[in-house]
mmCIF file of all heavy atoms, coordinates in Angstrom:
data_MODEL
# 
_entry.id   MODEL 
# 
loop_
_atom_site.group_PDB 
_atom_site.id 
_atom_site.type_symbol 
_atom_site.label_atom_id 
_atom_site.label_alt_id 
_atom_site.label_comp_id 
_atom_site.label_asym_id 
_atom_site.label_entity_id 
_atom_site.label_seq_id 
_atom_site.pdbx_PDB_ins_code 
_atom_site.Cartn_x 
_atom_site.Cartn_y 
_atom_site.Cartn_z 
_atom_site.occupancy 
_atom_site.B_iso_or_equiv 
_atom_site.pdbx_formal_charge 
_atom_site.auth_seq_id 
_atom_site.auth_comp_id 
_atom_site.auth_asym_id 
_atom_site.auth_atom_id 
_atom_site.pdbx_PDB_model_num 
ATOM 1   N N   . ARG A 1 1  ? 5.286  -22.090 -12.930 1.00 0.00 ? 1  ARG A N   1 
ATOM 2   C CA  . ARG A 1 1  ? 6.033  -20.822 -12.936 1.00 0.00 ? 1  ARG A CA  1 
ATOM 3   C C   . ARG A 1 1  ? 5.562  -19.909 -11.803 1.00 0.00 ? 1  ARG A C   1 
ATOM 4   O O   . ARG A 1 1  ? 6.368  -19.244 -11.164 1.00 0.00 ? 1  ARG A O   1 
ATOM 5   C CB  . ARG A 1 1  ? 5.895  -20.125 -14.293 1.00 0.00 ? 1  ARG A CB  1 
ATOM 6   C CG  . ARG A 1 1  ? 6.792  -20.708 -15.364 1.00 0.00 ? 1  ARG A CG  1 
ATOM 7   C CD  . ARG A 1 1  ? 6.809  -19.878 -16.643 1.00 0.00 ? 1  ARG A CD  1 
ATOM 8   N NE  . ARG A 1 1  ? 5.526  -19.856 -17.312 1.00 0.00 ? 1  ARG A NE  1 
ATOM 9   C CZ  . ARG A 1 1  ? 5.054  -20.835 -18.087 1.00 0.00 ? 1  ARG A CZ  1 
ATOM 10  N NH1 . ARG A 1 1  ? 5.774  -21.910 -18.297 1.00 0.00 ? 1  ARG A NH1 1 
ATOM 11  N NH2 . ARG A 1 1  ? 3.873  -20.726 -18.650 1.00 0.00 ? 1  ARG A NH2 1 
ATOM 12  N N   . GLN A 1 2  ? 4.255  -19.904 -11.563 1.00 0.00 ? 2  GLN A N   1 
ATOM 13  C CA  . GLN A 1 2  ? 3.705  -19.111 -10.454 1.00 0.00 ? 2  GLN A CA  1 
ATOM 14  C C   . GLN A 1 2  ? 4.268  -19.596 -9.124  1.00 0.00 ? 2  GLN A C   1 
ATOM 15  O O   . GLN A 1 2  ? 4.602  -18.802 -8.246  1.00 0.00 ? 2  GLN A O   1 
ATOM 16  C CB  . GLN A 1 2  ? 2.175  -19.229 -10.460 1.00 0.00 ? 2  GLN A CB  1 
ATOM 17  C CG  . GLN A 1 2  ? 1.490  -18.469 -9.366  1.00 0.00 ? 2  GLN A CG  1 
ATOM 18  C CD  . GLN A 1 2  ? 1.297  -17.009 -9.714  1.00 0.00 ? 2  GLN A CD  1 
ATOM 19  O OE1 . GLN A 1 2  ? 1.326  -16.640 -10.871 1.00 0.00 ? 2  GLN A OE1 1 
ATOM 20  N NE2 . GLN A 1 2  ? 1.124  -16.187 -8.703  1.00 0.00 ? 2  GLN A NE2 1 
ATOM 21  N N   . ALA A 1 3  ? 4.397  -20.924 -8.962  1.00 0.00 ? 3  ALA A N   1 
ATOM 22  C CA  . ALA A 1 3  ? 4.882  -21.493 -7.692  1.00 0.00 ? 3  ALA A CA  1 
ATOM 23  C C   . ALA A 1 3  ? 6.340  -21.142 -7.422  1.00 0.00 ? 3  ALA A C   1 
ATOM 24  O O   . ALA A 1 3  ? 6.745  -21.087 -6.261  1.00 0.00 ? 3  ALA A O   1 
ATOM 25  C CB  . ALA A 1 3  ? 4.712  -23.010 -7.700  1.00 0.00 ? 3  ALA A CB  1 
ATOM 26  N N   . VAL A 1 4  ? 7.130  -20.917 -8.460  1.00 0.00 ? 4  VAL A N   1 
ATOM 27  C CA  . VAL A 1 4  ? 8.559  -20.638 -8.260  1.00 0.00 ? 4  VAL A CA  1 
ATOM 28  C C   . VAL A 1 4  ? 8.892  -19.152 -8.394  1.00 0.00 ? 4  VAL A C   1 
ATOM 29  O O   . VAL A 1 4  ? 10.037 -18.759 -8.159  1.00 0.00 ? 4  VAL A O   1 
ATOM 30  C CB  . VAL A 1 4  ? 9.450  -21.466 -9.221  1.00 0.00 ? 4  VAL A CB  1 
ATOM 31  C CG1 . VAL A 1 4  ? 9.195  -22.947 -9.031  1.00 0.00 ? 4  VAL A CG1 1 
ATOM 32  C CG2 . VAL A 1 4  ? 9.262  -21.062 -10.666 1.00 0.00 ? 4  VAL A CG2 1 
ATOM 33  N N   . ARG A 1 5  ? 7.894  -18.350 -8.728  1.00 0.00 ? 5  ARG A N   1 
ATOM 34  C CA  . ARG A 1 5  ? 8.119  -16.912 -8.907  1.00 0.00 ? 5  ARG A CA  1 
ATOM 35  C C   . ARG A 1 5  ? 8.715  -16.310 -7.641  1.00 0.00 ? 5  ARG A C   1 
ATOM 36  O O   . ARG A 1 5  ? 8.247  -16.548 -6.535  1.00 0.00 ? 5  ARG A O   1 
ATOM 37  C CB  . ARG A 1 5  ? 6.808  -16.221 -9.249  1.00 0.00 ? 5  ARG A CB  1 
ATOM 38  C CG  . ARG A 1 5  ? 7.000  -14.734 -9.561  1.00 0.00 ? 5  ARG A CG  1 
ATOM 39  C CD  . ARG A 1 5  ? 5.780  -14.116 -10.178 1.00 0.00 ? 5  ARG A CD  1 
ATOM 40  N NE  . ARG A 1 5  ? 5.683  -14.589 -11.559 1.00 0.00 ? 5  ARG A NE  1 
ATOM 41  C CZ  . ARG A 1 5  ? 4.581  -15.081 -12.104 1.00 0.00 ? 5  ARG A CZ  1 
ATOM 42  N NH1 . ARG A 1 5  ? 3.473  -15.169 -11.412 1.00 0.00 ? 5  ARG A NH1 1 
ATOM 43  N NH2 . ARG A 1 5  ? 4.580  -15.483 -13.349 1.00 0.00 ? 5  ARG A NH2 1 
ATOM 44  N N   . GLY A 1 6  ? 9.794  -15.596 -7.824  1.00 0.00 ? 6  GLY A N   1 
ATOM 45  C CA  . GLY A 1 6  ? 10.438 -14.909 -6.707  1.00 0.00 ? 6  GLY A CA  1 
ATOM 46  C C   . GLY A 1 6  ? 11.453 -15.740 -5.947  1.00 0.00 ? 6  GLY A C   1 
ATOM 47  O O   . GLY A 1 6  ? 12.159 -15.216 -5.087  1.00 0.00 ? 6  GLY A O   1 
ATOM 48  N N   . ILE A 1 7  ? 11.565 -17.023 -6.238  1.00 0.00 ? 7  ILE A N   1 
ATOM 49  C CA  . ILE A 1 7  ? 12.540 -17.869 -5.550  1.00 0.00 ? 7  ILE A CA  1 
ATOM 50  C C   . ILE A 1 7  ? 13.860 -17.766 -6.319  1.00 0.00 ? 7  ILE A C   1 
ATOM 51  O O   . ILE A 1 7  ? 13.928 -18.110 -7.496  1.00 0.00 ? 7  ILE A O   1 
ATOM 52  C CB  . ILE A 1 7  ? 12.072 -19.339 -5.472  1.00 0.00 ? 7  ILE A CB  1 
ATOM 53  C CG1 . ILE A 1 7  ? 10.748 -19.431 -4.717  1.00 0.00 ? 7  ILE A CG1 1 
ATOM 54  C CG2 . ILE A 1 7  ? 13.138 -20.207 -4.798  1.00 0.00 ? 7  ILE A CG2 1 
ATOM 55  C CD1 . ILE A 1 7  ? 10.129 -20.823 -4.710  1.00 0.00 ? 7  ILE A CD1 1 
ATOM 56  N N   . THR A 1 8  ? 14.891 -17.298 -5.646  1.00 0.00 ? 8  THR A N   1 
ATOM 57  C CA  . THR A 1 8  ? 16.166 -17.074 -6.328  1.00 0.00 ? 8  THR A CA  1 
ATOM 58  C C   . THR A 1 8  ? 17.142 -18.242 -6.212  1.00 0.00 ? 8  THR A C   1 
ATOM 59  O O   . THR A 1 8  ? 18.015 -18.394 -7.058  1.00 0.00 ? 8  THR A O   1 
ATOM 60  C CB  . THR A 1 8  ? 16.835 -15.787 -5.805  1.00 0.00 ? 8  THR A CB  1 
ATOM 61  O OG1 . THR A 1 8  ? 16.997 -15.900 -4.388  1.00 0.00 ? 8  THR A OG1 1 
ATOM 62  C CG2 . THR A 1 8  ? 15.993 -14.561 -6.143  1.00 0.00 ? 8  THR A CG2 1 
ATOM 63  N N   . ASP A 1 9  ? 17.009 -19.041 -5.169  1.00 0.00 ? 9  ASP A N   1 
ATOM 64  C CA  . ASP A 1 9  ? 17.893 -20.197 -4.998  1.00 0.00 ? 9  ASP A CA  1 
ATOM 65  C C   . ASP A 1 9  ? 17.433 -21.305 -5.956  1.00 0.00 ? 9  ASP A C   1 
ATOM 66  O O   . ASP A 1 9  ? 16.284 -21.756 -5.868  1.00 0.00 ? 9  ASP A O   1 
ATOM 67  C CB  . ASP A 1 9  ? 17.839 -20.698 -3.555  1.00 0.00 ? 9  ASP A CB  1 
ATOM 68  C CG  . ASP A 1 9  ? 18.640 -21.984 -3.369  1.00 0.00 ? 9  ASP A CG  1 
ATOM 69  O OD1 . ASP A 1 9  ? 19.835 -21.997 -3.729  1.00 0.00 ? 9  ASP A OD1 1 
ATOM 70  O OD2 . ASP A 1 9  ? 18.048 -22.970 -2.889  1.00 0.00 ? 9  ASP A OD2 1 
ATOM 71  N N   . PRO A 1 10 ? 18.312 -21.746 -6.887  1.00 0.00 ? 10 PRO A N   1 
ATOM 72  C CA  . PRO A 1 10 ? 17.900 -22.749 -7.878  1.00 0.00 ? 10 PRO A CA  1 
ATOM 73  C C   . PRO A 1 10 ? 17.382 -24.054 -7.276  1.00 0.00 ? 10 PRO A C   1 
ATOM 74  O O   . PRO A 1 10 ? 16.404 -24.621 -7.759  1.00 0.00 ? 10 PRO A O   1 
ATOM 75  C CB  . PRO A 1 10 ? 19.170 -22.999 -8.698  1.00 0.00 ? 10 PRO A CB  1 
ATOM 76  C CG  . PRO A 1 10 ? 19.995 -21.766 -8.531  1.00 0.00 ? 10 PRO A CG  1 
ATOM 77  C CD  . PRO A 1 10 ? 19.685 -21.274 -7.141  1.00 0.00 ? 10 PRO A CD  1 
ATOM 78  N N   . ALA A 1 11 ? 18.006 -24.533 -6.199  1.00 0.00 ? 11 ALA A N   1 
ATOM 79  C CA  . ALA A 1 11 ? 17.547 -25.778 -5.576  1.00 0.00 ? 11 ALA A CA  1 
ATOM 80  C C   . ALA A 1 11 ? 16.162 -25.587 -4.944  1.00 0.00 ? 11 ALA A C   1 
ATOM 81  O O   . ALA A 1 11 ? 15.297 -26.453 -5.061  1.00 0.00 ? 11 ALA A O   1 
ATOM 82  C CB  . ALA A 1 11 ? 18.552 -26.274 -4.547  1.00 0.00 ? 11 ALA A CB  1 
ATOM 83  N N   . ALA A 1 12 ? 15.963 -24.454 -4.308  1.00 0.00 ? 12 ALA A N   1 
ATOM 84  C CA  . ALA A 1 12 ? 14.656 -24.174 -3.698  1.00 0.00 ? 12 ALA A CA  1 
ATOM 85  C C   . ALA A 1 12 ? 13.586 -24.018 -4.781  1.00 0.00 ? 12 ALA A C   1 
ATOM 86  O O   . ALA A 1 12 ? 12.448 -24.472 -4.615  1.00 0.00 ? 12 ALA A O   1 
ATOM 87  C CB  . ALA A 1 12 ? 14.729 -22.919 -2.833  1.00 0.00 ? 12 ALA A CB  1 
ATOM 88  N N   . ALA A 1 13 ? 13.949 -23.404 -5.893  1.00 0.00 ? 13 ALA A N   1 
ATOM 89  C CA  . ALA A 1 13 ? 13.005 -23.249 -7.009  1.00 0.00 ? 13 ALA A CA  1 
ATOM 90  C C   . ALA A 1 13 ? 12.649 -24.608 -7.604  1.00 0.00 ? 13 ALA A C   1 
ATOM 91  O O   . ALA A 1 13 ? 11.476 -24.877 -7.907  1.00 0.00 ? 13 ALA A O   1 
ATOM 92  C CB  . ALA A 1 13 ? 13.597 -22.337 -8.082  1.00 0.00 ? 13 ALA A CB  1 
ATOM 93  N N   . LEU A 1 14 ? 13.646 -25.480 -7.736  1.00 0.00 ? 14 LEU A N   1 
ATOM 94  C CA  . LEU A 1 14 ? 13.381 -26.828 -8.251  1.00 0.00 ? 14 LEU A CA  1 
ATOM 95  C C   . LEU A 1 14 ? 12.426 -27.566 -7.311  1.00 0.00 ? 14 LEU A C   1 
ATOM 96  O O   . LEU A 1 14 ? 11.439 -28.167 -7.753  1.00 0.00 ? 14 LEU A O   1 
ATOM 97  C CB  . LEU A 1 14 ? 14.681 -27.609 -8.421  1.00 0.00 ? 14 LEU A CB  1 
ATOM 98  C CG  . LEU A 1 14 ? 14.539 -29.068 -8.874  1.00 0.00 ? 14 LEU A CG  1 
ATOM 99  C CD1 . LEU A 1 14 ? 13.857 -29.155 -10.227 1.00 0.00 ? 14 LEU A CD1 1 
ATOM 100 C CD2 . LEU A 1 14 ? 15.900 -29.746 -8.908  1.00 0.00 ? 14 LEU A CD2 1 
ATOM 101 N N   . ARG A 1 15 ? 12.702 -27.502 -6.017  1.00 0.00 ? 15 ARG A N   1 
ATOM 102 C CA  . ARG A 1 15 ? 11.823 -28.161 -5.040  1.00 0.00 ? 15 ARG A CA  1 
ATOM 103 C C   . ARG A 1 15 ? 10.398 -27.610 -5.127  1.00 0.00 ? 15 ARG A C   1 
ATOM 104 O O   . ARG A 1 15 ? 9.426  -28.366 -5.148  1.00 0.00 ? 15 ARG A O   1 
ATOM 105 C CB  . ARG A 1 15 ? 12.363 -27.996 -3.617  1.00 0.00 ? 15 ARG A CB  1 
ATOM 106 C CG  . ARG A 1 15 ? 13.426 -29.010 -3.247  1.00 0.00 ? 15 ARG A CG  1 
ATOM 107 C CD  . ARG A 1 15 ? 13.733 -28.983 -1.763  1.00 0.00 ? 15 ARG A CD  1 
ATOM 108 N NE  . ARG A 1 15 ? 14.277 -27.715 -1.300  1.00 0.00 ? 15 ARG A NE  1 
ATOM 109 C CZ  . ARG A 1 15 ? 15.564 -27.370 -1.392  1.00 0.00 ? 15 ARG A CZ  1 
ATOM 110 N NH1 . ARG A 1 15 ? 16.444 -28.197 -1.911  1.00 0.00 ? 15 ARG A NH1 1 
ATOM 111 N NH2 . ARG A 1 15 ? 15.970 -26.195 -0.957  1.00 0.00 ? 15 ARG A NH2 1 
ATOM 112 N N   . ALA A 1 16 ? 10.274 -26.303 -5.184  1.00 0.00 ? 16 ALA A N   1 
ATOM 113 C CA  . ALA A 1 16 ? 8.945  -25.683 -5.246  1.00 0.00 ? 16 ALA A CA  1 
ATOM 114 C C   . ALA A 1 16 ? 8.210  -26.086 -6.524  1.00 0.00 ? 16 ALA A C   1 
ATOM 115 O O   . ALA A 1 16 ? 7.002  -26.374 -6.487  1.00 0.00 ? 16 ALA A O   1 
ATOM 116 C CB  . ALA A 1 16 ? 9.065  -24.166 -5.163  1.00 0.00 ? 16 ALA A CB  1 
ATOM 117 N N   . GLY A 1 17 ? 8.924  -26.129 -7.620  1.00 0.00 ? 17 GLY A N   1 
ATOM 118 C CA  . GLY A 1 17 ? 8.302  -26.531 -8.885  1.00 0.00 ? 17 GLY A CA  1 
ATOM 119 C C   . GLY A 1 17 ? 7.853  -27.980 -8.871  1.00 0.00 ? 17 GLY A C   1 
ATOM 120 O O   . GLY A 1 17 ? 6.753  -28.309 -9.328  1.00 0.00 ? 17 GLY A O   1 
ATOM 121 N N   . VAL A 1 18 ? 8.702  -28.844 -8.326  1.00 0.00 ? 18 VAL A N   1 
ATOM 122 C CA  . VAL A 1 18 ? 8.357  -30.270 -8.247  1.00 0.00 ? 18 VAL A CA  1 
ATOM 123 C C   . VAL A 1 18 ? 7.158  -30.475 -7.325  1.00 0.00 ? 18 VAL A C   1 
ATOM 124 O O   . VAL A 1 18 ? 6.224  -31.221 -7.655  1.00 0.00 ? 18 VAL A O   1 
ATOM 125 C CB  . VAL A 1 18 ? 9.566  -31.107 -7.778  1.00 0.00 ? 18 VAL A CB  1 
ATOM 126 C CG1 . VAL A 1 18 ? 9.142  -32.523 -7.415  1.00 0.00 ? 18 VAL A CG1 1 
ATOM 127 C CG2 . VAL A 1 18 ? 10.633 -31.139 -8.862  1.00 0.00 ? 18 VAL A CG2 1 
ATOM 128 N N   . LEU A 1 19 ? 7.146  -29.809 -6.197  1.00 0.00 ? 19 LEU A N   1 
ATOM 129 C CA  . LEU A 1 19 ? 6.024  -29.961 -5.267  1.00 0.00 ? 19 LEU A CA  1 
ATOM 130 C C   . LEU A 1 19 ? 4.732  -29.395 -5.860  1.00 0.00 ? 19 LEU A C   1 
ATOM 131 O O   . LEU A 1 19 ? 3.641  -29.940 -5.642  1.00 0.00 ? 19 LEU A O   1 
ATOM 132 C CB  . LEU A 1 19 ? 6.346  -29.328 -3.927  1.00 0.00 ? 19 LEU A CB  1 
ATOM 133 C CG  . LEU A 1 19 ? 7.488  -30.029 -3.171  1.00 0.00 ? 19 LEU A CG  1 
ATOM 134 C CD1 . LEU A 1 19 ? 7.830  -29.286 -1.895  1.00 0.00 ? 19 LEU A CD1 1 
ATOM 135 C CD2 . LEU A 1 19 ? 7.158  -31.480 -2.884  1.00 0.00 ? 19 LEU A CD2 1 
ATOM 136 N N   . ALA A 1 20 ? 4.861  -28.335 -6.661  1.00 0.00 ? 20 ALA A N   1 
ATOM 137 C CA  . ALA A 1 20 ? 3.678  -27.808 -7.363  1.00 0.00 ? 20 ALA A CA  1 
ATOM 138 C C   . ALA A 1 20 ? 3.142  -28.861 -8.333  1.00 0.00 ? 20 ALA A C   1 
ATOM 139 O O   . ALA A 1 20 ? 1.935  -29.090 -8.421  1.00 0.00 ? 20 ALA A O   1 
ATOM 140 C CB  . ALA A 1 20 ? 4.022  -26.519 -8.097  1.00 0.00 ? 20 ALA A CB  1 
ATOM 141 N N   . TRP A 1 21 ? 4.051  -29.531 -9.053  1.00 0.00 ? 21 TRP A N   1 
ATOM 142 C CA  . TRP A 1 21 ? 3.627  -30.573 -9.991  1.00 0.00 ? 21 TRP A CA  1 
ATOM 143 C C   . TRP A 1 21 ? 2.961  -31.731 -9.247  1.00 0.00 ? 21 TRP A C   1 
ATOM 144 O O   . TRP A 1 21 ? 1.949  -32.253 -9.694  1.00 0.00 ? 21 TRP A O   1 
ATOM 145 C CB  . TRP A 1 21 ? 4.797  -31.057 -10.820 1.00 0.00 ? 21 TRP A CB  1 
ATOM 146 C CG  . TRP A 1 21 ? 4.509  -32.331 -11.575 1.00 0.00 ? 21 TRP A CG  1 
ATOM 147 C CD1 . TRP A 1 21 ? 5.186  -33.497 -11.485 1.00 0.00 ? 21 TRP A CD1 1 
ATOM 148 C CD2 . TRP A 1 21 ? 3.451  -32.572 -12.511 1.00 0.00 ? 21 TRP A CD2 1 
ATOM 149 N NE1 . TRP A 1 21 ? 4.621  -34.444 -12.294 1.00 0.00 ? 21 TRP A NE1 1 
ATOM 150 C CE2 . TRP A 1 21 ? 3.548  -33.894 -12.942 1.00 0.00 ? 21 TRP A CE2 1 
ATOM 151 C CE3 . TRP A 1 21 ? 2.412  -31.791 -13.012 1.00 0.00 ? 21 TRP A CE3 1 
ATOM 152 C CZ2 . TRP A 1 21 ? 2.669  -34.476 -13.848 1.00 0.00 ? 21 TRP A CZ2 1 
ATOM 153 C CZ3 . TRP A 1 21 ? 1.530  -32.359 -13.920 1.00 0.00 ? 21 TRP A CZ3 1 
ATOM 154 C CH2 . TRP A 1 21 ? 1.665  -33.681 -14.330 1.00 0.00 ? 21 TRP A CH2 1 
ATOM 155 N N   . ILE A 1 22 ? 3.516  -32.112 -8.107  1.00 0.00 ? 22 ILE A N   1 
ATOM 156 C CA  . ILE A 1 22 ? 2.929  -33.200 -7.315  1.00 0.00 ? 22 ILE A CA  1 
ATOM 157 C C   . ILE A 1 22 ? 1.481  -32.839 -6.957  1.00 0.00 ? 22 ILE A C   1 
ATOM 158 O O   . ILE A 1 22 ? 0.574  -33.664 -7.079  1.00 0.00 ? 22 ILE A O   1 
ATOM 159 C CB  . ILE A 1 22 ? 3.743  -33.467 -6.027  1.00 0.00 ? 22 ILE A CB  1 
ATOM 160 C CG1 . ILE A 1 22 ? 5.146  -33.975 -6.353  1.00 0.00 ? 22 ILE A CG1 1 
ATOM 161 C CG2 . ILE A 1 22 ? 3.011  -34.424 -5.092  1.00 0.00 ? 22 ILE A CG2 1 
ATOM 162 C CD1 . ILE A 1 22 ? 5.209  -35.338 -6.979  1.00 0.00 ? 22 ILE A CD1 1 
ATOM 163 N N   . SER A 1 23 ? 1.264  -31.610 -6.540  1.00 0.00 ? 23 SER A N   1 
ATOM 164 C CA  . SER A 1 23 ? -0.090 -31.170 -6.202  1.00 0.00 ? 23 SER A CA  1 
ATOM 165 C C   . SER A 1 23 ? -0.986 -31.148 -7.433  1.00 0.00 ? 23 SER A C   1 
ATOM 166 O O   . SER A 1 23 ? -2.130 -31.607 -7.383  1.00 0.00 ? 23 SER A O   1 
ATOM 167 C CB  . SER A 1 23 ? -0.062 -29.780 -5.570  1.00 0.00 ? 23 SER A CB  1 
ATOM 168 O OG  . SER A 1 23 ? 0.557  -29.846 -4.314  1.00 0.00 ? 23 SER A OG  1 
ATOM 169 N N   . LEU A 1 24 ? -0.483 -30.626 -8.538  1.00 0.00 ? 24 LEU A N   1 
ATOM 170 C CA  . LEU A 1 24 ? -1.281 -30.559 -9.767  1.00 0.00 ? 24 LEU A CA  1 
ATOM 171 C C   . LEU A 1 24 ? -1.630 -31.944 -10.297 1.00 0.00 ? 24 LEU A C   1 
ATOM 172 O O   . LEU A 1 24 ? -2.721 -32.152 -10.831 1.00 0.00 ? 24 LEU A O   1 
ATOM 173 C CB  . LEU A 1 24 ? -0.518 -29.778 -10.847 1.00 0.00 ? 24 LEU A CB  1 
ATOM 174 C CG  . LEU A 1 24 ? -0.363 -28.284 -10.600 1.00 0.00 ? 24 LEU A CG  1 
ATOM 175 C CD1 . LEU A 1 24 ? 0.646  -27.686 -11.573 1.00 0.00 ? 24 LEU A CD1 1 
ATOM 176 C CD2 . LEU A 1 24 ? -1.709 -27.584 -10.712 1.00 0.00 ? 24 LEU A CD2 1 
ATOM 177 N N   . ALA A 1 25 ? -0.721 -32.879 -10.139 1.00 0.00 ? 25 ALA A N   1 
ATOM 178 C CA  . ALA A 1 25 ? -0.958 -34.228 -10.654 1.00 0.00 ? 25 ALA A CA  1 
ATOM 179 C C   . ALA A 1 25 ? -2.064 -34.947 -9.898  1.00 0.00 ? 25 ALA A C   1 
ATOM 180 O O   . ALA A 1 25 ? -2.556 -35.981 -10.349 1.00 0.00 ? 25 ALA A O   1 
ATOM 181 C CB  . ALA A 1 25 ? 0.332  -35.044 -10.612 1.00 0.00 ? 25 ALA A CB  1 
ATOM 182 N N   . GLY A 1 26 ? -2.478 -34.404 -8.783  1.00 0.00 ? 26 GLY A N   1 
ATOM 183 C CA  . GLY A 1 26 ? -3.619 -34.962 -8.073  1.00 0.00 ? 26 GLY A CA  1 
ATOM 184 C C   . GLY A 1 26 ? -4.941 -34.633 -8.739  1.00 0.00 ? 26 GLY A C   1 
ATOM 185 O O   . GLY A 1 26 ? -5.966 -35.235 -8.432  1.00 0.00 ? 26 GLY A O   1 
ATOM 186 N N   . ASP A 1 27 ? -4.924 -33.696 -9.673  1.00 0.00 ? 27 ASP A N   1 
ATOM 187 C CA  . ASP A 1 27 ? -6.127 -33.305 -10.398 1.00 0.00 ? 27 ASP A CA  1 
ATOM 188 C C   . ASP A 1 27 ? -6.494 -34.407 -11.396 1.00 0.00 ? 27 ASP A C   1 
ATOM 189 O O   . ASP A 1 27 ? -5.679 -34.759 -12.250 1.00 0.00 ? 27 ASP A O   1 
ATOM 190 C CB  . ASP A 1 27 ? -5.855 -31.990 -11.132 1.00 0.00 ? 27 ASP A CB  1 
ATOM 191 C CG  . ASP A 1 27 ? -7.045 -31.467 -11.896 1.00 0.00 ? 27 ASP A CG  1 
ATOM 192 O OD1 . ASP A 1 27 ? -7.885 -32.264 -12.374 1.00 0.00 ? 27 ASP A OD1 1 
ATOM 193 O OD2 . ASP A 1 27 ? -7.132 -30.242 -12.053 1.00 0.00 ? 27 ASP A OD2 1 
ATOM 194 N N   . PRO A 1 28 ? -7.700 -34.962 -11.312 1.00 0.00 ? 28 PRO A N   1 
ATOM 195 C CA  . PRO A 1 28 ? -8.087 -36.051 -12.220 1.00 0.00 ? 28 PRO A CA  1 
ATOM 196 C C   . PRO A 1 28 ? -8.006 -35.681 -13.699 1.00 0.00 ? 28 PRO A C   1 
ATOM 197 O O   . PRO A 1 28 ? -7.740 -36.538 -14.542 1.00 0.00 ? 28 PRO A O   1 
ATOM 198 C CB  . PRO A 1 28 ? -9.538 -36.356 -11.819 1.00 0.00 ? 28 PRO A CB  1 
ATOM 199 C CG  . PRO A 1 28 ? -9.697 -35.811 -10.455 1.00 0.00 ? 28 PRO A CG  1 
ATOM 200 C CD  . PRO A 1 28 ? -8.736 -34.657 -10.335 1.00 0.00 ? 28 PRO A CD  1 
# 
């Protein structure tokens, strides 16, 4: 939610959220 805060375009918000998850999933 923090990664997508302030993004108004739904596609851009989806991309930002997915990329945030990709980064988080690197955490063991």
